[in-house]
Each structure stands twice: as structure tokens, then as C-alpha cells.
Amino acid sequence: MPEPQPPSSISPSPDPPRLWDFIRLARPWQWAKGAFVLVGPLYGRAFSHNQLLAAAGAFLAFAFASSACYVINDIADRDADLAHPRKRHRPIAAGRVSIGAAYGFFILLVALAIASLLIVPESAPGALNREWLAACVGAYVVNVFAYSLVLKHKMVADVMSLSVGFVLRVLGGCAAVGVEPSSWLLNVTFFLSMFLAFGKRLGERRVMGDDAPAARIVQSKYTDELLRMSVVVTCVATLLTYAAYVVGQEDHYRHGFNILWLTMLPATYGLLRAMVKVETGAFDDPTEMAVRDRPFQVAAAVFAGVTLVLLKWVRKD
């Protein structure tokens, strides 16, 4: 009978990461934010084949670039994520994906983002479309790194940095199809993205309570009242800015009355529902609500559908 062997001092190797772990690391559900890339082409009525192809290339470039940035952010935040009730299950924080594998995945995502730029046709309307789009994607990545390294710890600057990321998406989409973004478009994007960012911070405080600063250091600098006020102010600013656009477009949509006003109904309902759900702690992230809350999804779909119909078939030039 063989003698029992002493226990090994070397711990067994962890299970290799699965494909699902890398998918979770890339967070493709967050690509919904890439809808901002399509806003400029939509309102610029860029519906030609080349323009649609260019918009698709811009969407994919920002999608892969954002996933690459998420990987770097998760590497940097792996210790803080362990203190968050939901984020502690992220692949890197949970130990499912090693740091080395995460960096390799980051390089792959960057390569895919660069390849997506090549989808933009050189013959698309406008000058230097691909170059300007690449500049917007590059600026987006720089902004994300600045946020991850410094700005996420600075009150208000953290939210403004995130908002600039959305504005860069809009600018990139406009650059890809060769349309000039209007001031109202940039303002609505800026205020709406600030609303989403402040809403996320308020939602975290509703869900985590006094433990919120452990997961996001800047939470120690905010107060509940300041965040609630900021959510309300940016929500109202978004609606007022969009309402100003609707009024300014009256000559193009007058059919007995300005029928573009109809889009105010789902827009108002969607924003106010998001504010209520965040305030009550039903969600700690308005973006998460966009993929899980059916009434909000219906409001967004109605707004997008009515807007598309009006822009393509009803607008009078």
C-alpha cells in the first residue's frame, strides 16, 4: 500500500476564463450608449447607402473602443469593485480573468476598433470623414483614461468627463456621415448625459447607502440633496433644450400644428420615469434600466419610431 503523500504547497491553478467571462468584461450591453453615435446621422437625415455604412462603422468603432476602456477601468478598479454588491462579480474582481489575459483582450478590442474605422467609405459625403471620426474616437479614449486616472475622484468634473464622452460619440457620428452638428444637439446630449451620470450616483446611494463611498470614492464628496438637485436640474435642462428645438422646427413640421411636438410625450415620460426609478432605488444605473425596464423601453421605442417617421417622410424642406 503506497504511503500517503503530503499535501502540495502549490495551490491548484484557477479555472481558465470562459468565453462568457470575456463577453461580460467587454460589456456589450453598454453598447446601447452607442445610440448617441447615430443621433447626428438621424437628425441630419443621412440615409444614403454610404452614409448608413459610415454610421455603422462609427458605431462599431466607439463600441469596441468603449469595451477596451472598460477592461482598463476594471483592471484599475478591481479592489474597489470588491466592495460593491454588484460589481464584485465582474470577471477581473472575481478572479475569473487574470490581469495578463485582460491586457491581451484590451489589445484585441483596440484592433477591432481600428478595423471598424475602415468600414467608413472614403466616398462618404464630407471631407476627411474617416480622419475626423478617428480623432473623435481617440479623444474619447483619452477622456476615458483621464477619467479613470484622475477625474473620477473629482466632484462634478467626474460627471462632466462622462458627458463629454457622449458628446464625442455624437461628434464622431456626425463626422462619419459628413453632417454638421447643431448647437441644440450638442446641448441636449450634454445635459442628458449629465442626467444619466448624476442619476447613477444617486441610484448607488439609494442602493448602497453609507457604503457607497467604498465603491466610488467621489461619493464621499457628494450629498443626497446635491445629487437629487443635480438630477432634477439636468433633467429639466434636457427637456427645455429639446423643447426649444421642437419650437424652432415648427415651419418644417406644421400640419395643422407642429406635429414634432408629439415626440415631447415619450421624451418627458421616459426621463421622468428614469428619475423616479433612480430616486426610489429600483435601479442604481439609468443605463441598466434602459435594458431591463419595459415601460422605459416602450417610451424610448415610441420616441425613436415617431422621430424617424417624421424626419424621413413628414419633414418639409
Protein backbone atom coordinates (compact mmCIF):
# COMPACT_ATOMS: atom_id res chain seq x y z
CA MET A 1 0.00 0.00 0.00
CA PRO A 2 1.57 3.30 -1.04
CA GLU A 3 2.29 5.82 1.65
CA PRO A 4 0.09 8.92 1.63
CA GLN A 5 1.73 11.93 0.02
CA PRO A 6 1.99 15.23 1.92
CA PRO A 7 -0.29 17.99 0.69
CA SER A 8 1.18 20.13 -2.03
CA SER A 9 2.23 23.63 -1.06
CA ILE A 10 1.22 24.85 -4.52
CA SER A 11 -2.44 25.81 -4.81
CA PRO A 12 -4.31 24.50 -7.84
CA SER A 13 -4.50 26.79 -10.83
CA PRO A 14 -7.81 28.65 -11.21
CA ASP A 15 -10.14 27.54 -13.95
CA PRO A 16 -9.31 29.16 -17.29
CA PRO A 17 -11.61 32.02 -18.23
CA ARG A 18 -14.60 31.12 -20.34
CA LEU A 19 -15.86 33.00 -23.41
CA TRP A 20 -18.72 34.36 -21.30
CA ASP A 21 -16.20 35.93 -18.90
CA PHE A 22 -14.68 37.93 -21.75
CA ILE A 23 -18.11 38.90 -23.03
CA ARG A 24 -19.00 40.18 -19.58
CA LEU A 25 -15.69 42.02 -19.44
CA ALA A 26 -16.48 43.78 -22.75
CA ARG A 27 -20.00 44.69 -21.52
CA PRO A 28 -21.70 44.68 -24.94
CA TRP A 29 -24.99 45.65 -23.27
CA GLN A 30 -23.37 49.03 -22.65
CA TRP A 31 -23.11 49.46 -26.42
CA ALA A 32 -26.62 50.87 -26.15
CA LYS A 33 -24.84 54.12 -25.35
CA GLY A 34 -23.58 53.97 -28.93
CA ALA A 35 -27.04 55.09 -29.99
CA PHE A 36 -25.65 58.59 -29.49
CA VAL A 37 -23.38 57.93 -32.48
CA LEU A 38 -26.49 57.58 -34.64
CA VAL A 39 -28.24 60.73 -33.42
CA GLY A 40 -26.34 63.09 -35.74
CA PRO A 41 -26.93 60.99 -38.87
CA LEU A 42 -30.62 60.62 -37.93
CA TYR A 43 -31.32 64.31 -37.43
CA GLY A 44 -29.07 65.17 -40.36
CA ARG A 45 -31.23 62.79 -42.43
CA ALA A 46 -28.17 60.93 -43.67
CA PHE A 47 -29.98 57.98 -45.23
CA SER A 48 -27.85 57.16 -48.28
CA HIS A 49 -26.14 53.75 -48.52
CA ASN A 50 -22.67 55.21 -47.95
CA GLN A 51 -23.86 57.28 -45.01
CA LEU A 52 -25.57 54.31 -43.35
CA LEU A 53 -22.40 52.26 -43.83
CA ALA A 54 -20.33 55.10 -42.36
CA ALA A 55 -22.68 55.36 -39.36
CA ALA A 56 -22.35 51.61 -38.76
CA GLY A 57 -18.55 51.88 -38.84
CA ALA A 58 -18.66 54.75 -36.36
CA PHE A 59 -20.96 52.80 -34.05
CA LEU A 60 -18.67 49.77 -34.04
CA ALA A 61 -15.52 51.86 -33.57
CA PHE A 62 -16.94 53.51 -30.45
CA ALA A 63 -18.39 50.21 -29.23
CA PHE A 64 -15.07 48.36 -29.35
CA ALA A 65 -13.19 51.39 -28.01
CA SER A 66 -15.59 51.67 -25.07
CA SER A 67 -15.20 47.95 -24.32
CA ALA A 68 -11.42 48.36 -24.36
CA CYS A 69 -11.74 51.23 -21.90
CA TYR A 70 -13.98 49.13 -19.65
CA VAL A 71 -11.24 46.50 -19.49
CA ILE A 72 -8.65 49.05 -18.35
CA ASN A 73 -11.12 50.57 -15.91
CA ASP A 74 -11.90 47.16 -14.39
CA ILE A 75 -8.19 46.44 -14.01
CA ALA A 76 -7.68 49.73 -12.17
CA ASP A 77 -10.83 49.36 -10.04
CA ARG A 78 -10.60 45.67 -9.19
CA ASP A 79 -10.04 46.33 -5.46
CA ALA A 80 -12.84 48.91 -5.17
CA ASP A 81 -15.21 46.67 -7.15
CA LEU A 82 -14.92 44.02 -4.44
CA ALA A 83 -16.75 46.39 -2.07
CA HIS A 84 -19.70 46.86 -4.46
CA PRO A 85 -22.64 44.42 -4.16
CA ARG A 86 -22.95 44.04 -7.94
CA LYS A 87 -19.51 44.97 -9.26
CA ARG A 88 -17.72 42.38 -7.14
CA HIS A 89 -18.97 39.76 -9.61
CA ARG A 90 -17.14 41.37 -12.52
CA PRO A 91 -14.68 38.91 -14.14
CA ILE A 92 -11.46 40.62 -13.01
CA ALA A 93 -12.60 41.44 -9.47
CA ALA A 94 -13.94 37.90 -9.07
CA GLY A 95 -10.67 36.41 -10.33
CA ARG A 96 -12.24 34.81 -13.39
CA VAL A 97 -9.97 36.73 -15.81
CA SER A 98 -6.30 37.32 -14.98
CA ILE A 99 -4.64 40.69 -15.41
CA GLY A 100 -2.48 39.35 -18.25
CA ALA A 101 -5.47 37.93 -20.11
CA ALA A 102 -7.33 41.21 -19.61
CA TYR A 103 -4.50 43.21 -21.21
CA GLY A 104 -4.45 40.79 -24.15
CA PHE A 105 -8.19 41.24 -24.58
CA PHE A 106 -7.71 45.00 -24.44
CA ILE A 107 -5.27 44.85 -27.37
CA LEU A 108 -7.76 42.77 -29.38
CA LEU A 109 -10.56 45.27 -28.76
CA VAL A 110 -8.35 48.19 -29.82
CA ALA A 111 -7.53 46.33 -33.04
CA LEU A 112 -11.24 45.77 -33.70
CA ALA A 113 -11.95 49.46 -33.10
CA ILE A 114 -9.28 50.46 -35.63
CA ALA A 115 -10.60 47.91 -38.14
CA SER A 116 -14.11 49.35 -37.73
CA LEU A 117 -12.86 52.73 -38.93
CA LEU A 118 -12.08 51.14 -42.28
CA ILE A 119 -15.79 50.44 -42.76
CA VAL A 120 -16.34 54.17 -43.27
CA PRO A 121 -16.26 54.66 -47.07
CA GLU A 122 -13.80 57.18 -48.42
CA SER A 123 -16.52 58.33 -50.80
CA ALA A 124 -18.92 59.27 -47.99
CA PRO A 125 -20.15 62.89 -48.14
CA GLY A 126 -17.92 65.46 -46.49
CA ALA A 127 -14.17 65.87 -46.25
CA LEU A 128 -11.80 63.78 -44.13
CA ASN A 129 -14.67 61.79 -42.61
CA ARG A 130 -12.60 58.82 -41.50
CA GLU A 131 -9.84 61.03 -40.11
CA TRP A 132 -12.24 63.16 -38.07
CA LEU A 133 -14.02 60.06 -36.81
CA ALA A 134 -10.67 58.56 -35.76
CA ALA A 135 -9.84 61.82 -33.95
CA CYS A 136 -13.15 61.67 -32.06
CA VAL A 137 -12.58 58.03 -31.07
CA GLY A 138 -9.04 58.88 -29.97
CA ALA A 139 -10.28 61.84 -27.94
CA TYR A 140 -12.90 59.57 -26.38
CA VAL A 141 -10.24 57.07 -25.27
CA VAL A 142 -8.04 59.86 -23.86
CA ASN A 143 -11.02 61.27 -21.97
CA VAL A 144 -11.84 57.84 -20.51
CA PHE A 145 -8.26 57.35 -19.35
CA ALA A 146 -8.26 60.84 -17.81
CA TYR A 147 -11.47 59.92 -16.03
CA SER A 148 -10.11 56.59 -14.78
CA LEU A 149 -6.83 58.06 -13.54
CA VAL A 150 -7.87 61.45 -12.11
CA LEU A 151 -11.29 62.89 -12.88
CA LYS A 152 -13.44 60.15 -11.37
CA HIS A 153 -12.28 61.33 -7.94
CA LYS A 154 -13.22 64.99 -8.62
CA MET A 155 -16.74 66.11 -7.78
CA VAL A 156 -18.67 67.46 -10.82
CA ALA A 157 -15.59 67.01 -13.04
CA ASP A 158 -16.32 63.27 -12.99
CA VAL A 159 -19.81 63.81 -14.39
CA MET A 160 -18.65 66.36 -16.96
CA SER A 161 -15.97 63.98 -18.20
CA LEU A 162 -18.55 61.24 -18.71
CA SER A 163 -20.80 63.72 -20.51
CA VAL A 164 -18.01 64.77 -22.84
CA GLY A 165 -17.71 61.10 -23.80
CA PHE A 166 -21.30 61.13 -25.05
CA VAL A 167 -20.75 64.41 -26.90
CA LEU A 168 -17.73 62.88 -28.63
CA ARG A 169 -19.91 59.99 -29.76
CA VAL A 170 -22.30 62.47 -31.35
CA LEU A 171 -19.46 64.39 -32.98
CA GLY A 172 -17.97 61.13 -34.28
CA GLY A 173 -21.26 60.05 -35.83
CA CYS A 174 -21.65 63.44 -37.50
CA ALA A 175 -18.08 63.34 -38.78
CA ALA A 176 -18.58 59.87 -40.24
CA VAL A 177 -21.53 60.88 -42.41
CA GLY A 178 -20.41 64.44 -43.15
CA VAL A 179 -23.12 66.44 -41.35
CA GLU A 180 -22.59 69.46 -39.11
CA PRO A 181 -23.91 69.03 -35.54
CA SER A 182 -26.22 71.79 -34.35
CA SER A 183 -25.84 73.54 -31.02
CA TRP A 184 -29.15 72.16 -29.74
CA LEU A 185 -27.98 68.61 -30.49
CA LEU A 186 -24.77 69.07 -28.52
CA ASN A 187 -26.63 70.76 -25.64
CA VAL A 188 -29.28 68.03 -25.38
CA THR A 189 -26.56 65.37 -25.46
CA PHE A 190 -24.54 67.14 -22.79
CA PHE A 191 -27.43 67.70 -20.38
CA LEU A 192 -28.93 64.25 -20.95
CA SER A 193 -25.63 62.51 -20.28
CA MET A 194 -25.13 64.59 -17.13
CA PHE A 195 -28.62 63.50 -16.03
CA LEU A 196 -27.62 59.85 -16.58
CA ALA A 197 -24.35 60.25 -14.66
CA PHE A 198 -25.87 62.10 -11.69
CA GLY A 199 -28.71 59.58 -11.72
CA LYS A 200 -26.22 56.71 -11.49
CA ARG A 201 -24.55 58.27 -8.47
CA LEU A 202 -27.89 58.91 -6.77
CA GLY A 203 -29.00 55.37 -7.55
CA GLU A 204 -25.84 53.97 -5.97
CA ARG A 205 -26.52 55.91 -2.79
CA ARG A 206 -30.11 54.64 -2.71
CA VAL A 207 -28.97 51.03 -3.15
CA MET A 208 -25.75 51.05 -1.08
CA GLY A 209 -26.47 53.74 1.50
CA ASP A 210 -23.44 54.64 3.63
CA ASP A 211 -21.33 52.03 1.81
CA ALA A 212 -21.44 53.96 -1.49
CA PRO A 213 -18.05 55.74 -0.95
CA ALA A 214 -16.35 52.35 -0.63
CA ALA A 215 -17.27 51.54 -4.22
CA ARG A 216 -16.90 55.07 -5.64
CA ILE A 217 -14.59 57.40 -3.73
CA VAL A 218 -16.16 60.56 -5.12
CA GLN A 219 -19.42 59.59 -3.38
CA SER A 220 -17.86 60.85 -0.15
CA LYS A 221 -17.88 64.36 -1.65
CA TYR A 222 -21.49 64.31 -2.82
CA THR A 223 -24.58 64.50 -0.64
CA ASP A 224 -28.02 63.06 -1.27
CA GLU A 225 -29.56 66.51 -1.60
CA LEU A 226 -26.90 67.74 -4.01
CA LEU A 227 -27.35 64.68 -6.22
CA ARG A 228 -31.14 64.92 -6.15
CA MET A 229 -30.98 68.59 -7.11
CA SER A 230 -28.47 67.85 -9.89
CA VAL A 231 -30.67 65.08 -11.30
CA VAL A 232 -33.71 67.38 -11.38
CA VAL A 233 -31.79 70.32 -12.88
CA THR A 234 -30.21 68.28 -15.67
CA CYS A 235 -33.50 66.52 -16.42
CA VAL A 236 -35.29 69.86 -16.78
CA ALA A 237 -32.42 71.32 -18.82
CA THR A 238 -32.62 68.36 -21.21
CA LEU A 239 -36.36 68.73 -21.70
CA LEU A 240 -36.21 72.51 -22.12
CA THR A 241 -33.38 72.28 -24.64
CA TYR A 242 -35.25 69.68 -26.68
CA ALA A 243 -38.46 71.72 -26.41
CA ALA A 244 -36.58 74.70 -27.87
CA TYR A 245 -35.57 72.54 -30.82
CA VAL A 246 -39.19 71.45 -31.36
CA VAL A 247 -40.34 75.09 -31.37
CA GLY A 248 -37.56 76.06 -33.77
CA GLN A 249 -38.60 73.34 -36.24
CA GLU A 250 -42.24 74.45 -36.48
CA ASP A 251 -42.02 75.53 -40.14
CA HIS A 252 -40.81 72.06 -41.16
CA TYR A 253 -43.48 70.07 -39.31
CA ARG A 254 -46.64 72.19 -39.45
CA HIS A 255 -49.61 70.04 -40.45
CA GLY A 256 -52.42 71.80 -38.62
CA PHE A 257 -49.98 72.09 -35.74
CA ASN A 258 -46.33 71.32 -35.13
CA ILE A 259 -46.58 67.51 -35.09
CA LEU A 260 -42.96 67.19 -33.94
CA TRP A 261 -44.41 68.18 -30.56
CA LEU A 262 -45.74 64.61 -30.30
CA THR A 263 -42.20 63.44 -29.55
CA MET A 264 -42.29 65.52 -26.35
CA LEU A 265 -44.69 63.00 -24.79
CA PRO A 266 -42.47 59.87 -24.77
CA ALA A 267 -39.38 62.00 -24.09
CA THR A 268 -40.94 63.53 -20.98
CA TYR A 269 -42.34 60.23 -19.74
CA GLY A 270 -39.04 58.39 -20.23
CA LEU A 271 -36.92 60.99 -18.43
CA LEU A 272 -39.30 61.39 -15.51
CA ARG A 273 -39.67 57.62 -15.12
CA ALA A 274 -35.88 57.28 -15.05
CA MET A 275 -35.70 59.95 -12.35
CA VAL A 276 -38.38 58.22 -10.24
CA LYS A 277 -36.81 54.77 -10.56
CA VAL A 278 -33.39 56.06 -9.56
CA GLU A 279 -34.81 58.04 -6.64
CA THR A 280 -36.65 55.01 -5.28
CA GLY A 281 -33.59 52.77 -5.63
CA ALA A 282 -35.19 50.42 -8.18
CA PHE A 283 -32.04 50.77 -10.29
CA ASP A 284 -28.58 52.08 -9.46
CA ASP A 285 -27.86 52.90 -13.11
CA PRO A 286 -30.22 54.53 -15.66
CA THR A 287 -28.38 52.64 -18.42
CA GLU A 288 -29.25 49.36 -16.71
CA MET A 289 -32.86 50.50 -16.60
CA ALA A 290 -32.79 51.00 -20.37
CA VAL A 291 -32.26 47.27 -20.89
CA ARG A 292 -34.49 45.99 -18.05
CA ASP A 293 -37.43 48.37 -17.55
CA ARG A 294 -40.22 47.65 -20.05
CA PRO A 295 -42.17 50.96 -19.75
CA PHE A 296 -38.96 52.92 -20.29
CA GLN A 297 -38.10 50.75 -23.30
CA VAL A 298 -41.56 51.37 -24.77
CA ALA A 299 -41.18 55.13 -24.30
CA ALA A 300 -37.74 55.07 -25.96
CA ALA A 301 -39.03 52.95 -28.86
CA VAL A 302 -42.03 55.25 -29.42
CA PHE A 303 -39.80 58.32 -29.35
CA ALA A 304 -37.32 56.79 -31.80
CA GLY A 305 -40.05 55.45 -34.11
CA VAL A 306 -42.08 58.66 -34.27
CA THR A 307 -38.94 60.75 -34.74
CA LEU A 308 -37.70 58.56 -37.59
CA VAL A 309 -41.06 58.69 -39.39
CA LEU A 310 -41.29 62.46 -39.04
CA LEU A 311 -37.72 63.09 -40.17
CA LYS A 312 -37.82 60.79 -43.18
CA TRP A 313 -41.36 61.14 -44.52
CA VAL A 314 -43.05 64.18 -42.98
CA ARG A 315 -40.47 66.96 -42.68
CA LYS A 316 -40.96 69.78 -45.20
CA ASP A 317 -37.74 71.29 -46.58
